Protein backbone atom coordinates (compact mmCIF):
# COMPACT_ATOMS: atom_id res chain seq x y z
CA MET A 1 129.83 -2.43 -98.08
CA VAL A 2 131.61 -3.81 -95.00
CA GLU A 3 135.21 -2.62 -94.69
CA ILE A 4 137.67 -5.43 -94.10
CA ARG A 5 141.36 -4.91 -93.41
CA CYS A 6 144.40 -7.03 -92.76
CA ILE A 7 145.52 -6.31 -89.19
CA VAL A 8 148.40 -8.82 -89.10
CA ASP A 9 150.20 -9.65 -92.35
CA ALA A 10 151.37 -12.90 -90.79
CA LYS A 11 152.09 -14.82 -94.02
CA ASN A 12 150.79 -17.93 -92.27
CA HIS A 13 151.06 -21.13 -94.25
CA LEU A 14 147.87 -22.44 -92.66
CA GLY A 15 146.49 -19.81 -90.30
CA GLU A 16 143.60 -21.21 -88.26
CA GLY A 17 141.54 -21.12 -85.10
CA PRO A 18 141.11 -17.47 -84.05
CA LEU A 19 139.80 -17.02 -80.51
CA TRP A 20 139.42 -14.07 -78.17
CA ASP A 21 140.85 -14.08 -74.65
CA VAL A 22 138.58 -11.97 -72.45
CA LYS A 23 141.04 -11.82 -69.55
CA GLU A 24 144.01 -10.66 -71.61
CA GLN A 25 141.94 -8.80 -74.22
CA ARG A 26 144.01 -10.46 -76.93
CA LEU A 27 143.38 -12.46 -80.07
CA TYR A 28 144.96 -15.90 -80.37
CA TRP A 29 145.36 -17.99 -83.52
CA ILE A 30 147.66 -20.70 -84.89
CA ASP A 31 149.70 -21.57 -87.95
CA SER A 32 148.96 -25.28 -88.14
CA SER A 33 151.72 -26.31 -90.53
CA ALA A 34 154.40 -24.15 -88.90
CA ALA A 35 153.46 -25.51 -85.43
CA GLU A 36 153.13 -21.99 -84.03
CA ILE A 37 150.69 -20.13 -81.78
CA TYR A 38 150.23 -16.38 -82.12
CA SER A 39 148.56 -13.67 -80.07
CA ALA A 40 148.03 -9.95 -80.64
CA LYS A 41 146.15 -6.97 -79.30
CA GLU A 42 142.71 -6.22 -80.75
CA ASP A 43 144.19 -3.98 -83.46
CA GLY A 44 146.83 -6.52 -84.50
CA SER A 45 149.73 -4.88 -82.67
CA ASP A 46 152.12 -6.45 -80.16
CA VAL A 47 152.27 -9.84 -81.89
CA LYS A 48 153.66 -12.68 -79.78
CA ARG A 49 154.60 -16.13 -81.01
CA TYR A 50 154.87 -19.50 -79.26
CA PHE A 51 156.10 -22.83 -80.56
CA VAL A 52 154.98 -26.45 -80.32
CA PRO A 53 156.91 -29.49 -81.53
CA THR A 54 154.46 -30.80 -84.13
CA HIS A 55 151.55 -29.89 -86.40
CA ILE A 56 148.78 -28.17 -84.41
CA GLY A 57 145.20 -28.66 -85.55
CA SER A 58 143.50 -26.40 -83.00
CA MET A 59 143.71 -24.94 -79.53
CA ALA A 60 141.48 -23.53 -76.81
CA LEU A 61 142.34 -21.49 -73.77
CA ARG A 62 142.17 -23.26 -70.43
CA GLU A 63 140.29 -22.11 -67.32
CA LYS A 64 143.31 -22.96 -65.15
CA GLY A 65 145.69 -21.09 -67.45
CA GLY A 66 147.49 -22.12 -70.59
CA ALA A 67 145.70 -24.01 -73.33
CA VAL A 68 144.52 -27.39 -74.55
CA LEU A 69 145.92 -28.38 -77.94
CA ALA A 70 144.92 -30.83 -80.65
CA LEU A 71 148.27 -31.93 -82.09
CA ALA A 72 149.31 -34.45 -84.71
CA ASN A 73 150.09 -36.92 -81.91
CA GLY A 74 147.02 -36.35 -79.75
CA PHE A 75 145.66 -33.97 -77.14
CA SER A 76 147.95 -32.05 -74.77
CA LEU A 77 147.88 -29.25 -72.23
CA TYR A 78 150.21 -26.31 -72.92
CA ASP A 79 151.95 -23.79 -70.67
CA PHE A 80 152.61 -20.48 -72.46
CA ALA A 81 155.30 -19.38 -69.97
CA THR A 82 157.45 -22.49 -70.37
CA GLN A 83 156.10 -23.62 -73.78
CA LYS A 84 155.96 -27.14 -72.33
CA LEU A 85 153.37 -29.82 -73.08
CA THR A 86 151.56 -32.29 -70.83
CA HIS A 87 150.22 -35.15 -72.93
CA ILE A 88 146.57 -36.11 -72.36
CA GLY A 89 146.21 -38.95 -74.84
CA ASP A 90 146.24 -39.98 -78.47
CA PRO A 91 142.90 -41.55 -79.46
CA GLU A 92 144.31 -42.74 -82.80
CA ALA A 93 147.78 -43.98 -82.04
CA ASP A 94 146.94 -46.90 -84.34
CA GLU A 95 146.15 -44.49 -87.23
CA PRO A 96 149.53 -42.92 -88.06
CA GLU A 97 148.22 -41.34 -91.27
CA ASN A 98 145.57 -39.39 -89.33
CA ARG A 99 146.02 -36.15 -87.42
CA LEU A 100 143.82 -33.95 -85.25
CA ASN A 101 142.32 -30.91 -86.95
CA ASP A 102 139.86 -28.17 -85.98
CA GLY A 103 138.35 -27.92 -82.49
CA LYS A 104 136.47 -25.73 -80.04
CA VAL A 105 135.10 -25.66 -76.48
CA ASP A 106 131.36 -26.06 -75.89
CA ARG A 107 129.26 -24.04 -73.42
CA ARG A 108 129.97 -26.64 -70.71
CA GLY A 109 133.75 -26.31 -70.98
CA ARG A 110 134.51 -29.49 -72.95
CA PHE A 111 136.93 -29.49 -75.89
CA TRP A 112 135.74 -31.04 -79.17
CA ALA A 113 138.11 -31.78 -82.07
CA GLY A 114 138.13 -34.09 -85.05
CA THR A 115 140.73 -36.15 -86.86
CA MET A 116 141.34 -36.50 -90.59
CA ASP A 117 143.56 -38.34 -93.04
CA ASP A 118 146.49 -35.96 -93.49
CA ALA A 119 146.57 -36.83 -97.22
CA GLU A 120 142.78 -36.26 -97.45
CA ARG A 121 142.25 -39.59 -99.25
CA ARG A 122 140.32 -41.70 -96.72
CA ALA A 123 137.14 -41.04 -94.78
CA SER A 124 138.95 -42.03 -91.59
CA GLY A 125 138.18 -38.97 -89.47
CA THR A 126 136.41 -39.06 -86.11
CA LEU A 127 135.01 -36.31 -83.90
CA TYR A 128 136.16 -36.55 -80.27
CA VAL A 129 135.33 -34.76 -77.03
CA VAL A 130 137.74 -34.17 -74.15
CA GLU A 131 135.95 -33.95 -70.80
CA PRO A 132 137.13 -31.70 -67.95
CA GLY A 133 138.43 -34.85 -66.26
CA LEU A 134 140.69 -35.35 -69.33
CA THR A 135 138.91 -38.47 -70.57
CA LEU A 136 138.39 -38.87 -74.33
CA SER A 137 135.31 -40.14 -76.15
CA ALA A 138 134.54 -40.70 -79.84
CA VAL A 139 131.32 -38.97 -80.93
CA ASP A 140 130.95 -39.39 -84.71
CA ARG A 141 132.94 -41.20 -87.41
CA GLY A 142 133.51 -41.37 -91.16
CA TYR A 143 134.77 -37.86 -91.99
CA HIS A 144 137.11 -36.91 -94.83
CA VAL A 145 138.06 -33.48 -93.42
CA THR A 146 136.67 -32.46 -90.02
CA ASN A 147 136.14 -28.74 -89.44
CA GLY A 148 134.37 -26.64 -86.83
CA PRO A 149 132.69 -27.20 -84.52
CA ALA A 150 130.58 -24.30 -83.27
CA PHE A 151 127.87 -24.18 -80.61
CA SER A 152 124.56 -22.34 -80.35
CA PRO A 153 124.21 -19.66 -77.64
CA LEU A 154 122.44 -22.08 -75.28
CA GLY A 155 124.77 -24.93 -76.18
CA ASP A 156 121.94 -27.21 -77.28
CA THR A 157 123.02 -27.35 -80.94
CA MET A 158 126.45 -28.18 -82.32
CA TYR A 159 127.53 -27.49 -85.90
CA HIS A 160 130.31 -29.55 -87.49
CA SER A 161 131.50 -29.89 -91.08
CA ASP A 162 132.98 -32.43 -93.42
CA SER A 163 134.73 -29.93 -95.65
CA ALA A 164 135.61 -32.38 -98.41
CA ARG A 165 131.95 -33.36 -98.77
CA GLN A 166 130.89 -29.69 -98.58
CA ILE A 167 128.43 -30.47 -95.77
CA THR A 168 127.80 -28.72 -92.48
CA TYR A 169 125.88 -30.88 -90.01
CA ALA A 170 123.83 -29.96 -86.95
CA PHE A 171 123.60 -32.12 -83.82
CA ASP A 172 121.39 -31.94 -80.75
CA ILE A 173 123.29 -31.65 -77.46
CA ASP A 174 121.30 -32.90 -74.47
CA ALA A 175 121.49 -31.88 -70.82
CA ASP A 176 124.26 -34.42 -70.21
CA GLY A 177 126.27 -33.06 -73.13
CA ARG A 178 125.68 -35.99 -75.46
CA ALA A 179 125.45 -35.34 -79.20
CA SER A 180 122.69 -36.99 -81.23
CA ASN A 181 120.38 -36.54 -84.21
CA ARG A 182 123.00 -35.61 -86.78
CA ARG A 183 121.36 -34.03 -89.79
CA THR A 184 122.46 -31.95 -92.77
CA PHE A 185 122.33 -28.26 -91.87
CA VAL A 186 123.50 -27.07 -95.30
CA GLN A 187 124.77 -28.99 -98.34
CA PHE A 188 126.96 -26.70 -100.40
CA ASN A 189 127.57 -26.87 -104.13
CA ALA A 190 130.39 -26.75 -106.65
CA GLY A 191 131.77 -23.23 -106.78
CA ASP A 192 130.85 -22.41 -103.17
CA GLY A 193 134.22 -23.37 -101.78
CA PHE A 194 134.63 -25.68 -98.80
CA PRO A 195 133.14 -24.95 -95.35
CA ASP A 196 136.00 -24.49 -92.92
CA GLY A 197 136.15 -22.93 -89.44
CA MET A 198 133.07 -21.22 -88.01
CA THR A 199 131.51 -19.37 -85.11
CA VAL A 200 128.08 -18.38 -83.80
CA ASP A 201 126.91 -14.82 -83.07
CA SER A 202 124.66 -13.54 -80.26
CA GLU A 203 121.59 -14.00 -82.46
CA GLY A 204 122.34 -17.68 -82.92
CA CYS A 205 123.44 -17.34 -86.54
CA LEU A 206 126.34 -19.35 -87.90
CA TRP A 207 129.32 -17.72 -89.65
CA ILE A 208 131.37 -20.03 -91.89
CA ALA A 209 134.69 -19.31 -93.62
CA PHE A 210 134.94 -20.89 -97.08
CA TRP A 211 138.29 -22.30 -98.20
CA ASP A 212 138.65 -21.55 -101.93
CA GLY A 213 135.49 -19.48 -101.62
CA TRP A 214 136.92 -15.98 -101.03
CA CYS A 215 134.23 -15.29 -98.43
CA VAL A 216 132.58 -15.75 -95.06
CA ARG A 217 128.85 -16.49 -95.01
CA ARG A 218 126.20 -16.06 -92.33
CA TYR A 219 123.34 -18.57 -91.90
CA SER A 220 120.26 -18.46 -89.69
CA PRO A 221 119.59 -21.27 -87.18
CA ALA A 222 117.17 -22.65 -89.77
CA GLY A 223 119.90 -22.86 -92.41
CA GLU A 224 118.83 -19.78 -94.38
CA TRP A 225 121.68 -18.05 -96.20
CA LEU A 226 121.57 -14.48 -94.85
CA GLU A 227 124.75 -12.70 -95.90
CA THR A 228 128.05 -13.06 -97.73
CA ILE A 229 131.14 -11.02 -96.88
CA LYS A 230 133.82 -11.13 -99.55
CA VAL A 231 137.40 -11.30 -98.34
CA PRO A 232 140.56 -10.44 -100.32
CA VAL A 233 142.06 -13.91 -100.02
CA GLN A 234 141.09 -17.20 -101.64
CA ARG A 235 141.46 -19.32 -98.53
CA PRO A 236 139.88 -17.85 -95.42
CA THR A 237 140.07 -20.60 -92.84
CA SER A 238 138.10 -19.61 -89.75
CA CYS A 239 136.45 -16.72 -87.95
CA ALA A 240 135.78 -15.56 -84.39
CA PHE A 241 134.22 -12.58 -82.66
CA GLY A 242 136.33 -10.47 -80.35
CA GLY A 243 137.22 -7.03 -79.11
CA PRO A 244 136.00 -5.49 -75.83
CA GLU A 245 132.40 -5.44 -77.11
CA PHE A 246 132.60 -8.59 -79.24
CA ASP A 247 131.63 -6.47 -82.23
CA ARG A 248 134.65 -7.39 -84.35
CA LEU A 249 134.91 -10.43 -86.58
CA TYR A 250 138.43 -11.79 -86.99
CA ILE A 251 139.27 -14.03 -89.94
CA THR A 252 142.37 -16.19 -90.39
CA SER A 253 143.65 -17.36 -93.77
CA ALA A 254 146.15 -19.60 -95.55
CA SER A 255 148.85 -19.10 -98.17
CA ARG A 256 149.40 -22.82 -98.69
CA ASP A 257 150.09 -24.11 -102.23
CA PHE A 258 149.99 -20.69 -103.92
CA ASP A 259 152.51 -19.87 -106.63
CA ALA A 260 154.09 -16.45 -107.09
CA ALA A 261 151.38 -15.28 -109.49
CA ALA A 262 148.62 -16.17 -107.03
CA LEU A 263 150.39 -14.32 -104.24
CA VAL A 264 150.65 -11.21 -106.39
CA MET A 265 146.85 -11.29 -106.70
CA GLN A 266 146.39 -11.73 -102.94
CA PRO A 267 149.45 -10.30 -101.19
CA ASN A 268 147.90 -10.64 -97.72
CA ALA A 269 147.20 -14.38 -98.04
CA GLY A 270 147.99 -15.99 -94.72
CA GLY A 271 147.09 -12.81 -92.86
CA VAL A 272 144.57 -12.06 -90.12
CA PHE A 273 141.67 -9.81 -91.10
CA MET A 274 139.13 -7.82 -89.11
CA LEU A 275 135.76 -6.25 -89.89
CA LEU A 276 132.74 -4.82 -88.09
CA PRO A 277 129.84 -7.04 -89.20
CA GLY A 278 127.04 -5.14 -87.44
CA VAL A 279 126.25 -7.96 -85.01
CA ARG A 280 127.96 -9.03 -81.81
CA GLY A 281 129.44 -12.36 -80.93
CA LEU A 282 129.65 -14.36 -77.71
CA SER A 283 132.42 -15.04 -75.25
CA GLU A 284 133.72 -18.56 -75.77
CA ALA A 285 133.97 -20.74 -72.65
CA PRO A 286 137.48 -21.86 -71.67
CA PHE A 287 138.34 -25.53 -71.38
CA ALA A 288 137.35 -26.62 -67.87
CA GLY A 289 139.98 -29.35 -67.57
């Protein structure tokens, strides 16, 4: 049995988006609802916290320093030293009920993130890509709850989920970085939970955290269910490989909407967890903009 432990009992309301900084040898993650960014050493020590002015859906580290953020009011660049924002653009200024959600950088250094109806009632979400030149493009529409994406080791396949529909899709990414040929990678079932954040390992397999599923699952590039790792919280939200050898899997989680009885059953809800899964991950490219 794989040993999993809580390395930061962060009590995050909506912990999300773990990512490993190779230069600093630190783990970053966010609390979306609290509008906070965290970082810590590989063992969970030396926790630092940064603040943003509004709900943060996702972030990625930037090649030039700082980060790119997907906020409730659009995409922005962020300076950790000053905690100041430089606004890039809001692709849905005419959709005030929508907000940006999960996102990640592809192998070419572009930042992908999707929008969703904050009330989760309408299928009004769209997947966007931010180019290094800071231009925005819509890629795919009609999502209830966008989550992911993740990219294959060569960057020629992108995975992206509509959590509410319990579907993870696969796309082809061509030499110019254009996404096409969306197809169902896996359709999940009642009782599985909802596919949330994800990452890809060095063997090209996809790891998915399952909100309300108490687990992280591993799938082959062909969509074969290979492994399930149980976690001690109901709402794991995302996962990422890190550590000096990329042999550690970090998992964020949420404590949102739990009553006192539920929190007694899972006292580390909202924490950051770590395990050694027996396979290594990949270094994620920084945003090239």
